Amino acid sequence: MLVNNAGFATLPEPQDPETVTIAHWRAVNGVNVEGVLLGCQAGIRAMKAAGGVIVNISSIAALNPSPRMAAYGASKAAVRHLTRTVAAWCTQQGFAIRCNSIHPGWFPTDMTRGSRTPAEMDAQERSIPMGRFGEPEEIAASVAFLCSDDARYITGAKIVVDGGIVME
């Protein structure tokens, strides 16, 4: 089992599509996309003989536009696409490796807190349909499910853990 959980965004540096710098774009994508790619490559090499599971942590920013976080949103969308590509590759090669992605919504992490004032955090929490931020255990439970035999026929899928924000 491999869980790729890379997430990096330096805020409040501007990340809108008009002003994001190439240096910032490369730094965010270097961690969030290249890090996941390298993990997937190592995981495939290690698991292709006996099988296994790869879970990539993406974000709801991959599924919804992120005007104030263009680099982060694009990087997490790339993680979603890479997940599907790895799943397709492994099935085409006959490797018993499943690859899926999890898309967390708003969780009170250091990155989230660092990008908002306390008042903005309160407003963000109130905007979540379920009325609260997620808890780390809820992501862990989703990872555990995808790694379990209960998910043995699931590959290339996404699980959105966001309290109802995306609802697709």
N, C-alpha and C. Protein backbone atom coordinates (compact mmCIF):
# COMPACT_ATOMS: atom_id res chain seq x y z
N MET A 1 0.84 -1.17 0.00
CA MET A 1 0.00 0.00 0.00
C MET A 1 0.89 1.24 0.00
N LEU A 2 0.47 2.23 -0.78
CA LEU A 2 1.17 3.51 -0.83
C LEU A 2 0.13 4.61 -0.79
N VAL A 3 0.34 5.59 0.09
CA VAL A 3 -0.49 6.78 0.13
C VAL A 3 0.40 7.97 -0.19
N ASN A 4 0.10 8.63 -1.32
CA ASN A 4 0.81 9.85 -1.70
C ASN A 4 0.02 11.03 -1.16
N ASN A 5 0.59 11.71 -0.18
CA ASN A 5 -0.11 12.82 0.46
C ASN A 5 0.78 14.06 0.41
N ALA A 6 0.90 14.64 -0.77
CA ALA A 6 1.70 15.85 -0.94
C ALA A 6 0.77 17.03 -1.10
N GLY A 7 1.00 18.08 -0.34
CA GLY A 7 0.18 19.28 -0.49
C GLY A 7 0.97 20.50 -0.08
N PHE A 8 1.14 21.41 -1.02
CA PHE A 8 1.96 22.58 -0.77
C PHE A 8 1.36 23.77 -1.51
N ALA A 9 1.23 24.86 -0.80
CA ALA A 9 0.82 26.13 -1.41
C ALA A 9 1.28 27.23 -0.48
N THR A 10 2.12 28.11 -0.97
CA THR A 10 2.56 29.20 -0.11
C THR A 10 1.59 30.36 -0.26
N LEU A 11 0.94 30.66 0.81
CA LEU A 11 -0.02 31.76 0.83
C LEU A 11 0.46 32.79 1.83
N PRO A 12 0.17 34.02 1.69
CA PRO A 12 -0.78 34.62 0.77
C PRO A 12 -0.18 35.05 -0.58
N GLU A 13 0.95 34.47 -0.98
CA GLU A 13 1.50 34.83 -2.29
C GLU A 13 0.42 34.71 -3.36
N PRO A 14 0.30 35.69 -4.25
CA PRO A 14 -0.76 35.64 -5.27
C PRO A 14 -0.64 34.38 -6.14
N GLN A 15 -1.75 33.71 -6.28
CA GLN A 15 -1.80 32.53 -7.13
C GLN A 15 -2.88 32.66 -8.19
N ASP A 16 -3.43 33.85 -8.36
CA ASP A 16 -4.46 33.98 -9.39
C ASP A 16 -3.80 33.80 -10.76
N PRO A 17 -4.57 33.40 -11.78
CA PRO A 17 -3.98 33.09 -13.08
C PRO A 17 -3.32 34.29 -13.76
N GLU A 18 -3.64 35.48 -13.32
CA GLU A 18 -3.05 36.66 -13.93
C GLU A 18 -1.68 36.99 -13.36
N THR A 19 -1.48 36.72 -12.08
CA THR A 19 -0.24 37.18 -11.44
C THR A 19 0.63 36.08 -10.84
N VAL A 20 0.21 34.83 -10.86
CA VAL A 20 1.05 33.77 -10.29
C VAL A 20 2.39 33.76 -11.02
N THR A 21 3.46 33.63 -10.25
CA THR A 21 4.78 33.62 -10.88
C THR A 21 5.11 32.21 -11.36
N ILE A 22 5.95 32.14 -12.36
CA ILE A 22 6.39 30.83 -12.87
C ILE A 22 7.16 30.08 -11.79
N ALA A 23 7.93 30.81 -10.99
CA ALA A 23 8.68 30.15 -9.91
C ALA A 23 7.72 29.51 -8.91
N HIS A 24 6.66 30.22 -8.56
CA HIS A 24 5.68 29.66 -7.62
C HIS A 24 4.96 28.47 -8.26
N TRP A 25 4.55 28.64 -9.50
CA TRP A 25 3.87 27.56 -10.24
C TRP A 25 4.73 26.30 -10.23
N ARG A 26 6.00 26.44 -10.54
CA ARG A 26 6.90 25.28 -10.59
C ARG A 26 7.11 24.67 -9.21
N ALA A 27 7.22 25.50 -8.19
CA ALA A 27 7.41 24.98 -6.83
C ALA A 27 6.21 24.15 -6.39
N VAL A 28 5.01 24.68 -6.59
CA VAL A 28 3.80 23.96 -6.18
C VAL A 28 3.64 22.67 -6.98
N ASN A 29 3.80 22.75 -8.28
CA ASN A 29 3.65 21.56 -9.11
C ASN A 29 4.78 20.56 -8.88
N GLY A 30 5.96 21.06 -8.54
CA GLY A 30 7.07 20.16 -8.23
C GLY A 30 6.77 19.25 -7.06
N VAL A 31 6.19 19.80 -6.03
CA VAL A 31 5.82 18.99 -4.86
C VAL A 31 4.55 18.19 -5.13
N ASN A 32 3.49 18.88 -5.53
CA ASN A 32 2.17 18.27 -5.59
C ASN A 32 1.99 17.28 -6.73
N VAL A 33 2.67 17.49 -7.85
CA VAL A 33 2.51 16.59 -8.99
C VAL A 33 3.73 15.68 -9.14
N GLU A 34 4.90 16.27 -9.21
CA GLU A 34 6.09 15.44 -9.41
C GLU A 34 6.32 14.50 -8.23
N GLY A 35 6.05 14.98 -7.01
CA GLY A 35 6.19 14.11 -5.85
C GLY A 35 5.28 12.90 -5.93
N VAL A 36 4.03 13.13 -6.36
CA VAL A 36 3.08 12.02 -6.50
C VAL A 36 3.50 11.09 -7.64
N LEU A 37 3.97 11.65 -8.74
CA LEU A 37 4.46 10.82 -9.85
C LEU A 37 5.59 9.91 -9.38
N LEU A 38 6.57 10.48 -8.70
CA LEU A 38 7.70 9.67 -8.22
C LEU A 38 7.23 8.58 -7.26
N GLY A 39 6.28 8.92 -6.40
CA GLY A 39 5.72 7.92 -5.50
C GLY A 39 5.03 6.80 -6.27
N CYS A 40 4.23 7.17 -7.26
CA CYS A 40 3.54 6.17 -8.07
C CYS A 40 4.53 5.27 -8.81
N GLN A 41 5.58 5.86 -9.36
CA GLN A 41 6.58 5.06 -10.06
C GLN A 41 7.23 4.04 -9.12
N ALA A 42 7.62 4.50 -7.94
CA ALA A 42 8.22 3.59 -6.96
C ALA A 42 7.22 2.53 -6.52
N GLY A 43 5.96 2.95 -6.32
CA GLY A 43 4.93 2.00 -5.91
C GLY A 43 4.67 0.92 -6.96
N ILE A 44 4.59 1.33 -8.22
CA ILE A 44 4.37 0.35 -9.29
C ILE A 44 5.52 -0.65 -9.32
N ARG A 45 6.75 -0.15 -9.26
CA ARG A 45 7.91 -1.07 -9.27
C ARG A 45 7.85 -2.05 -8.11
N ALA A 46 7.49 -1.56 -6.93
CA ALA A 46 7.47 -2.42 -5.74
C ALA A 46 6.29 -3.40 -5.72
N MET A 47 5.17 -3.02 -6.36
CA MET A 47 3.94 -3.81 -6.25
C MET A 47 3.61 -4.66 -7.46
N LYS A 48 4.27 -4.44 -8.59
CA LYS A 48 3.78 -5.07 -9.82
C LYS A 48 3.82 -6.59 -9.78
N ALA A 49 4.70 -7.19 -9.02
CA ALA A 49 4.74 -8.65 -8.97
C ALA A 49 3.62 -9.22 -8.10
N ALA A 50 3.33 -8.59 -6.97
CA ALA A 50 2.37 -9.16 -6.03
C ALA A 50 1.06 -8.38 -5.93
N GLY A 51 1.01 -7.17 -6.51
CA GLY A 51 -0.20 -6.36 -6.42
C GLY A 51 -0.16 -5.42 -5.24
N GLY A 52 -1.11 -4.51 -5.23
CA GLY A 52 -1.18 -3.55 -4.14
C GLY A 52 -2.14 -2.42 -4.43
N VAL A 53 -2.06 -1.40 -3.62
CA VAL A 53 -2.97 -0.27 -3.70
C VAL A 53 -2.18 1.02 -3.59
N ILE A 54 -2.53 1.97 -4.46
CA ILE A 54 -1.99 3.32 -4.38
C ILE A 54 -3.17 4.27 -4.17
N VAL A 55 -3.06 5.13 -3.18
CA VAL A 55 -4.07 6.15 -2.92
C VAL A 55 -3.37 7.50 -3.00
N ASN A 56 -3.86 8.35 -3.89
CA ASN A 56 -3.32 9.69 -4.04
C ASN A 56 -4.28 10.69 -3.41
N ILE A 57 -3.75 11.55 -2.55
CA ILE A 57 -4.57 12.57 -1.93
C ILE A 57 -4.56 13.79 -2.85
N SER A 58 -5.71 14.15 -3.34
CA SER A 58 -5.87 15.31 -4.22
C SER A 58 -6.56 16.40 -3.40
N SER A 59 -7.62 16.98 -3.91
CA SER A 59 -8.34 18.06 -3.22
C SER A 59 -9.60 18.37 -4.01
N ILE A 60 -10.57 18.99 -3.34
CA ILE A 60 -11.73 19.48 -4.09
C ILE A 60 -11.32 20.61 -5.03
N ALA A 61 -10.13 21.18 -4.82
CA ALA A 61 -9.61 22.19 -5.74
C ALA A 61 -9.38 21.59 -7.13
N ALA A 62 -9.28 20.28 -7.23
CA ALA A 62 -9.14 19.61 -8.53
C ALA A 62 -10.46 19.57 -9.28
N LEU A 63 -11.56 19.73 -8.55
CA LEU A 63 -12.90 19.54 -9.12
C LEU A 63 -13.65 20.85 -9.34
N ASN A 64 -13.27 21.88 -8.63
CA ASN A 64 -13.90 23.20 -8.73
C ASN A 64 -12.85 24.23 -9.12
N PRO A 65 -13.22 25.28 -9.83
CA PRO A 65 -12.25 26.33 -10.15
C PRO A 65 -11.64 26.91 -8.88
N SER A 66 -10.39 27.29 -8.97
CA SER A 66 -9.67 27.86 -7.83
C SER A 66 -9.03 29.18 -8.23
N PRO A 67 -9.83 30.23 -8.46
CA PRO A 67 -9.28 31.49 -8.99
C PRO A 67 -8.17 32.11 -8.15
N ARG A 68 -8.24 31.94 -6.84
CA ARG A 68 -7.21 32.52 -5.98
C ARG A 68 -6.05 31.56 -5.72
N MET A 69 -6.18 30.33 -6.21
CA MET A 69 -5.15 29.32 -5.99
C MET A 69 -4.91 28.52 -7.27
N ALA A 70 -4.56 29.23 -8.33
CA ALA A 70 -4.42 28.60 -9.65
C ALA A 70 -3.38 27.48 -9.66
N ALA A 71 -2.23 27.72 -9.06
CA ALA A 71 -1.18 26.70 -9.07
C ALA A 71 -1.61 25.46 -8.28
N TYR A 72 -2.17 25.69 -7.11
CA TYR A 72 -2.61 24.58 -6.26
C TYR A 72 -3.73 23.79 -6.94
N GLY A 73 -4.75 24.48 -7.44
CA GLY A 73 -5.86 23.80 -8.09
C GLY A 73 -5.41 23.00 -9.30
N ALA A 74 -4.56 23.59 -10.12
CA ALA A 74 -4.06 22.88 -11.30
C ALA A 74 -3.24 21.66 -10.90
N SER A 75 -2.45 21.80 -9.85
CA SER A 75 -1.63 20.67 -9.42
C SER A 75 -2.50 19.52 -8.91
N LYS A 76 -3.55 19.84 -8.19
CA LYS A 76 -4.42 18.78 -7.67
C LYS A 76 -5.27 18.15 -8.78
N ALA A 77 -5.60 18.94 -9.81
CA ALA A 77 -6.28 18.37 -10.98
C ALA A 77 -5.33 17.41 -11.70
N ALA A 78 -4.06 17.76 -11.75
CA ALA A 78 -3.07 16.86 -12.35
C ALA A 78 -2.95 15.57 -11.55
N VAL A 79 -3.04 15.65 -10.24
CA VAL A 79 -3.01 14.43 -9.41
C VAL A 79 -4.20 13.54 -9.75
N ARG A 80 -5.37 14.13 -9.94
CA ARG A 80 -6.56 13.34 -10.32
C ARG A 80 -6.32 12.64 -11.65
N HIS A 81 -5.80 13.38 -12.63
CA HIS A 81 -5.56 12.78 -13.94
C HIS A 81 -4.48 11.70 -13.85
N LEU A 82 -3.43 11.97 -13.11
CA LEU A 82 -2.37 10.97 -12.94
C LEU A 82 -2.92 9.71 -12.29
N THR A 83 -3.81 9.86 -11.34
CA THR A 83 -4.42 8.70 -10.68
C THR A 83 -5.13 7.81 -11.70
N ARG A 84 -5.92 8.43 -12.55
CA ARG A 84 -6.65 7.67 -13.58
C ARG A 84 -5.68 7.02 -14.56
N THR A 85 -4.62 7.74 -14.90
CA THR A 85 -3.62 7.21 -15.83
C THR A 85 -2.89 6.02 -15.23
N VAL A 86 -2.50 6.12 -13.96
CA VAL A 86 -1.84 5.00 -13.30
C VAL A 86 -2.78 3.80 -13.22
N ALA A 87 -4.04 4.04 -12.88
CA ALA A 87 -5.01 2.94 -12.82
C ALA A 87 -5.15 2.26 -14.18
N ALA A 88 -5.24 3.05 -15.25
CA ALA A 88 -5.37 2.48 -16.60
C ALA A 88 -4.10 1.71 -16.98
N TRP A 89 -2.94 2.29 -16.70
CA TRP A 89 -1.68 1.64 -17.03
C TRP A 89 -1.57 0.28 -16.33
N CYS A 90 -1.86 0.28 -15.04
CA CYS A 90 -1.72 -0.97 -14.27
C CYS A 90 -2.68 -2.04 -14.77
N THR A 91 -3.91 -1.68 -15.10
CA THR A 91 -4.84 -2.69 -15.61
C THR A 91 -4.39 -3.18 -16.99
N GLN A 92 -3.93 -2.27 -17.84
CA GLN A 92 -3.48 -2.66 -19.18
C GLN A 92 -2.26 -3.58 -19.12
N GLN A 93 -1.41 -3.37 -18.13
CA GLN A 93 -0.22 -4.20 -17.99
C GLN A 93 -0.50 -5.52 -17.26
N GLY A 94 -1.70 -5.66 -16.75
CA GLY A 94 -2.04 -6.87 -15.99
C GLY A 94 -1.52 -6.86 -14.57
N PHE A 95 -1.12 -5.68 -14.07
CA PHE A 95 -0.66 -5.57 -12.69
C PHE A 95 -1.89 -5.49 -11.78
N ALA A 96 -1.88 -6.23 -10.70
CA ALA A 96 -2.98 -6.20 -9.74
C ALA A 96 -2.78 -5.03 -8.77
N ILE A 97 -2.66 -3.84 -9.35
CA ILE A 97 -2.47 -2.61 -8.56
C ILE A 97 -3.67 -1.72 -8.81
N ARG A 98 -4.35 -1.34 -7.73
CA ARG A 98 -5.45 -0.39 -7.84
C ARG A 98 -4.94 0.99 -7.47
N CYS A 99 -5.43 2.00 -8.16
CA CYS A 99 -5.02 3.38 -7.87
C CYS A 99 -6.26 4.27 -7.86
N ASN A 100 -6.47 4.96 -6.75
CA ASN A 100 -7.63 5.83 -6.58
C ASN A 100 -7.20 7.14 -5.92
N SER A 101 -8.08 8.13 -5.98
CA SER A 101 -7.77 9.42 -5.34
C SER A 101 -8.85 9.81 -4.35
N ILE A 102 -8.41 10.53 -3.34
CA ILE A 102 -9.30 11.10 -2.33
C ILE A 102 -9.21 12.62 -2.46
N HIS A 103 -10.37 13.28 -2.38
CA HIS A 103 -10.45 14.73 -2.57
C HIS A 103 -11.02 15.39 -1.33
N PRO A 104 -10.14 15.76 -0.38
CA PRO A 104 -10.63 16.41 0.83
C PRO A 104 -11.16 17.81 0.54
N GLY A 105 -12.11 18.20 1.35
CA GLY A 105 -12.60 19.57 1.34
C GLY A 105 -11.83 20.37 2.37
N TRP A 106 -12.57 21.12 3.19
CA TRP A 106 -11.94 22.00 4.16
C TRP A 106 -11.68 21.28 5.48
N PHE A 107 -10.41 21.23 5.83
CA PHE A 107 -9.96 20.66 7.09
C PHE A 107 -9.10 21.72 7.77
N PRO A 108 -9.16 21.85 9.09
CA PRO A 108 -8.40 22.91 9.77
C PRO A 108 -6.91 22.56 9.90
N THR A 109 -6.22 22.50 8.76
CA THR A 109 -4.79 22.21 8.74
C THR A 109 -3.98 23.49 8.89
N ASP A 110 -2.69 23.35 9.06
CA ASP A 110 -1.83 24.53 9.13
C ASP A 110 -1.91 25.32 7.83
N MET A 111 -1.98 24.63 6.69
CA MET A 111 -2.06 25.32 5.41
C MET A 111 -3.35 26.12 5.30
N THR A 112 -4.47 25.54 5.74
CA THR A 112 -5.75 26.25 5.69
C THR A 112 -5.74 27.44 6.63
N ARG A 113 -5.28 27.22 7.86
CA ARG A 113 -5.25 28.31 8.84
C ARG A 113 -4.30 29.43 8.38
N GLY A 114 -3.22 29.06 7.73
CA GLY A 114 -2.24 30.05 7.28
C GLY A 114 -2.72 30.91 6.13
N SER A 115 -3.80 30.49 5.47
CA SER A 115 -4.29 31.23 4.32
C SER A 115 -5.50 32.10 4.64
N ARG A 116 -5.97 32.07 5.89
CA ARG A 116 -7.19 32.80 6.24
C ARG A 116 -7.09 33.40 7.64
N THR A 117 -7.81 34.47 7.83
CA THR A 117 -7.93 35.06 9.16
C THR A 117 -8.90 34.21 9.98
N PRO A 118 -8.92 34.36 11.29
CA PRO A 118 -9.90 33.62 12.09
C PRO A 118 -11.35 33.88 11.63
N ALA A 119 -11.65 35.11 11.27
CA ALA A 119 -13.01 35.42 10.80
C ALA A 119 -13.30 34.69 9.48
N GLU A 120 -12.31 34.63 8.61
CA GLU A 120 -12.49 33.90 7.35
C GLU A 120 -12.65 32.40 7.60
N MET A 121 -11.92 31.87 8.58
CA MET A 121 -12.06 30.45 8.93
C MET A 121 -13.48 30.17 9.43
N ASP A 122 -14.02 31.05 10.26
CA ASP A 122 -15.39 30.88 10.76
C ASP A 122 -16.39 30.91 9.61
N ALA A 123 -16.22 31.85 8.70
CA ALA A 123 -17.11 31.95 7.53
C ALA A 123 -16.98 30.71 6.65
N GLN A 124 -15.76 30.22 6.48
CA GLN A 124 -15.54 29.02 5.67
C GLN A 124 -16.27 27.83 6.28
N GLU A 125 -16.14 27.67 7.59
CA GLU A 125 -16.80 26.55 8.26
C GLU A 125 -18.32 26.64 8.12
N ARG A 126 -18.87 27.82 8.25
CA ARG A 126 -20.33 27.99 8.11
C ARG A 126 -20.80 27.70 6.69
N SER A 127 -19.92 27.85 5.70
CA SER A 127 -20.31 27.62 4.30
C SER A 127 -20.36 26.14 3.93
N ILE A 128 -19.85 25.28 4.76
CA ILE A 128 -19.84 23.84 4.47
C ILE A 128 -21.24 23.29 4.73
N PRO A 129 -21.85 22.62 3.76
CA PRO A 129 -23.23 22.14 3.95
C PRO A 129 -23.44 21.33 5.23
N MET A 130 -22.47 20.52 5.63
CA MET A 130 -22.62 19.74 6.86
C MET A 130 -22.33 20.57 8.11
N GLY A 131 -21.92 21.84 7.92
CA GLY A 131 -21.78 22.76 9.04
C GLY A 131 -20.51 22.66 9.86
N ARG A 132 -19.51 21.94 9.39
CA ARG A 132 -18.28 21.81 10.17
C ARG A 132 -17.12 21.44 9.26
N PHE A 133 -15.91 21.69 9.77
CA PHE A 133 -14.72 21.23 9.09
C PHE A 133 -14.61 19.72 9.22
N GLY A 134 -13.87 19.12 8.30
CA GLY A 134 -13.61 17.69 8.39
C GLY A 134 -12.58 17.40 9.47
N GLU A 135 -12.53 16.14 9.85
CA GLU A 135 -11.57 15.68 10.85
C GLU A 135 -10.60 14.72 10.18
N PRO A 136 -9.32 14.73 10.56
CA PRO A 136 -8.33 13.85 9.92
C PRO A 136 -8.75 12.39 9.87
N GLU A 137 -9.45 11.94 10.89
CA GLU A 137 -9.89 10.54 10.94
C GLU A 137 -10.82 10.20 9.78
N GLU A 138 -11.52 11.20 9.25
CA GLU A 138 -12.44 10.95 8.14
C GLU A 138 -11.68 10.69 6.84
N ILE A 139 -10.54 11.32 6.68
CA ILE A 139 -9.68 11.01 5.53
C ILE A 139 -9.05 9.64 5.75
N ALA A 140 -8.57 9.38 6.95
CA ALA A 140 -7.95 8.08 7.25
C ALA A 140 -8.92 6.94 6.99
N ALA A 141 -10.19 7.11 7.34
CA ALA A 141 -11.19 6.06 7.10
C ALA A 141 -11.39 5.82 5.61
N SER A 142 -11.35 6.89 4.81
CA SER A 142 -11.49 6.72 3.36
C SER A 142 -10.28 6.00 2.78
N VAL A 143 -9.10 6.33 3.26
CA VAL A 143 -7.89 5.63 2.82
C VAL A 143 -7.98 4.16 3.21
N ALA A 144 -8.38 3.89 4.44
CA ALA A 144 -8.49 2.51 4.90
C ALA A 144 -9.48 1.72 4.05
N PHE A 145 -10.60 2.34 3.69
CA PHE A 145 -11.57 1.67 2.82
C PHE A 145 -10.95 1.33 1.48
N LEU A 146 -10.31 2.31 0.84
CA LEU A 146 -9.74 2.06 -0.49
C LEU A 146 -8.64 1.00 -0.46
N CYS A 147 -7.97 0.86 0.68
CA CYS A 147 -6.91 -0.15 0.80
C CYS A 147 -7.44 -1.52 1.21
N SER A 148 -8.71 -1.58 1.56
CA SER A 148 -9.28 -2.84 2.05
C SER A 148 -9.80 -3.71 0.91
N ASP A 149 -10.08 -4.96 1.25
CA ASP A 149 -10.68 -5.87 0.27
C ASP A 149 -12.10 -5.45 -0.10
N ASP A 150 -12.73 -4.62 0.72
CA ASP A 150 -14.08 -4.12 0.38
C ASP A 150 -14.05 -3.26 -0.88
N ALA A 151 -12.87 -2.74 -1.22
CA ALA A 151 -12.72 -1.89 -2.41
C ALA A 151 -11.95 -2.61 -3.52
N ARG A 152 -11.92 -3.93 -3.48
CA ARG A 152 -11.08 -4.69 -4.41
C ARG A 152 -11.48 -4.55 -5.88
N TYR A 153 -12.66 -4.01 -6.18
CA TYR A 153 -13.11 -3.83 -7.56
C TYR A 153 -13.19 -2.34 -7.92
N ILE A 154 -12.45 -1.52 -7.19
CA ILE A 154 -12.47 -0.08 -7.42
C ILE A 154 -11.06 0.36 -7.83
N THR A 155 -10.97 0.94 -9.01
CA THR A 155 -9.71 1.55 -9.45
C THR A 155 -10.01 2.72 -10.36
N GLY A 156 -9.17 3.74 -10.29
CA GLY A 156 -9.37 4.94 -11.09
C GLY A 156 -10.46 5.85 -10.56
N ALA A 157 -10.99 5.55 -9.39
CA ALA A 157 -12.12 6.30 -8.84
C ALA A 157 -11.65 7.45 -7.95
N LYS A 158 -12.60 8.33 -7.64
CA LYS A 158 -12.34 9.41 -6.69
C LYS A 158 -13.37 9.33 -5.57
N ILE A 159 -12.91 9.61 -4.39
CA ILE A 159 -13.80 9.74 -3.24
C ILE A 159 -13.66 11.18 -2.75
N VAL A 160 -14.79 11.88 -2.70
CA VAL A 160 -14.81 13.27 -2.26
C VAL A 160 -15.25 13.28 -0.80
N VAL A 161 -14.38 13.82 0.07
CA VAL A 161 -14.63 13.88 1.51
C VAL A 161 -14.64 15.36 1.89
N ASP A 162 -15.84 15.99 1.73
CA ASP A 162 -15.88 17.44 1.82
C ASP A 162 -17.08 18.02 2.55
N GLY A 163 -17.85 17.21 3.22
CA GLY A 163 -19.02 17.72 3.93
C GLY A 163 -20.10 18.26 3.03
N GLY A 164 -20.07 17.88 1.75
CA GLY A 164 -21.13 18.27 0.82
C GLY A 164 -20.83 19.48 -0.04
N ILE A 165 -19.60 19.96 -0.06
CA ILE A 165 -19.27 21.17 -0.83
C ILE A 165 -19.46 20.93 -2.34
N VAL A 166 -18.90 19.85 -2.85
CA VAL A 166 -18.91 19.62 -4.30
C VAL A 166 -20.23 18.99 -4.75
N MET A 167 -20.68 17.95 -4.08
CA MET A 167 -21.93 17.25 -4.40
C MET A 167 -22.12 16.96 -5.88
N GLU A 168 -21.15 16.29 -6.51
CA GLU A 168 -21.34 15.91 -7.90
C GLU A 168 -21.78 14.49 -8.04
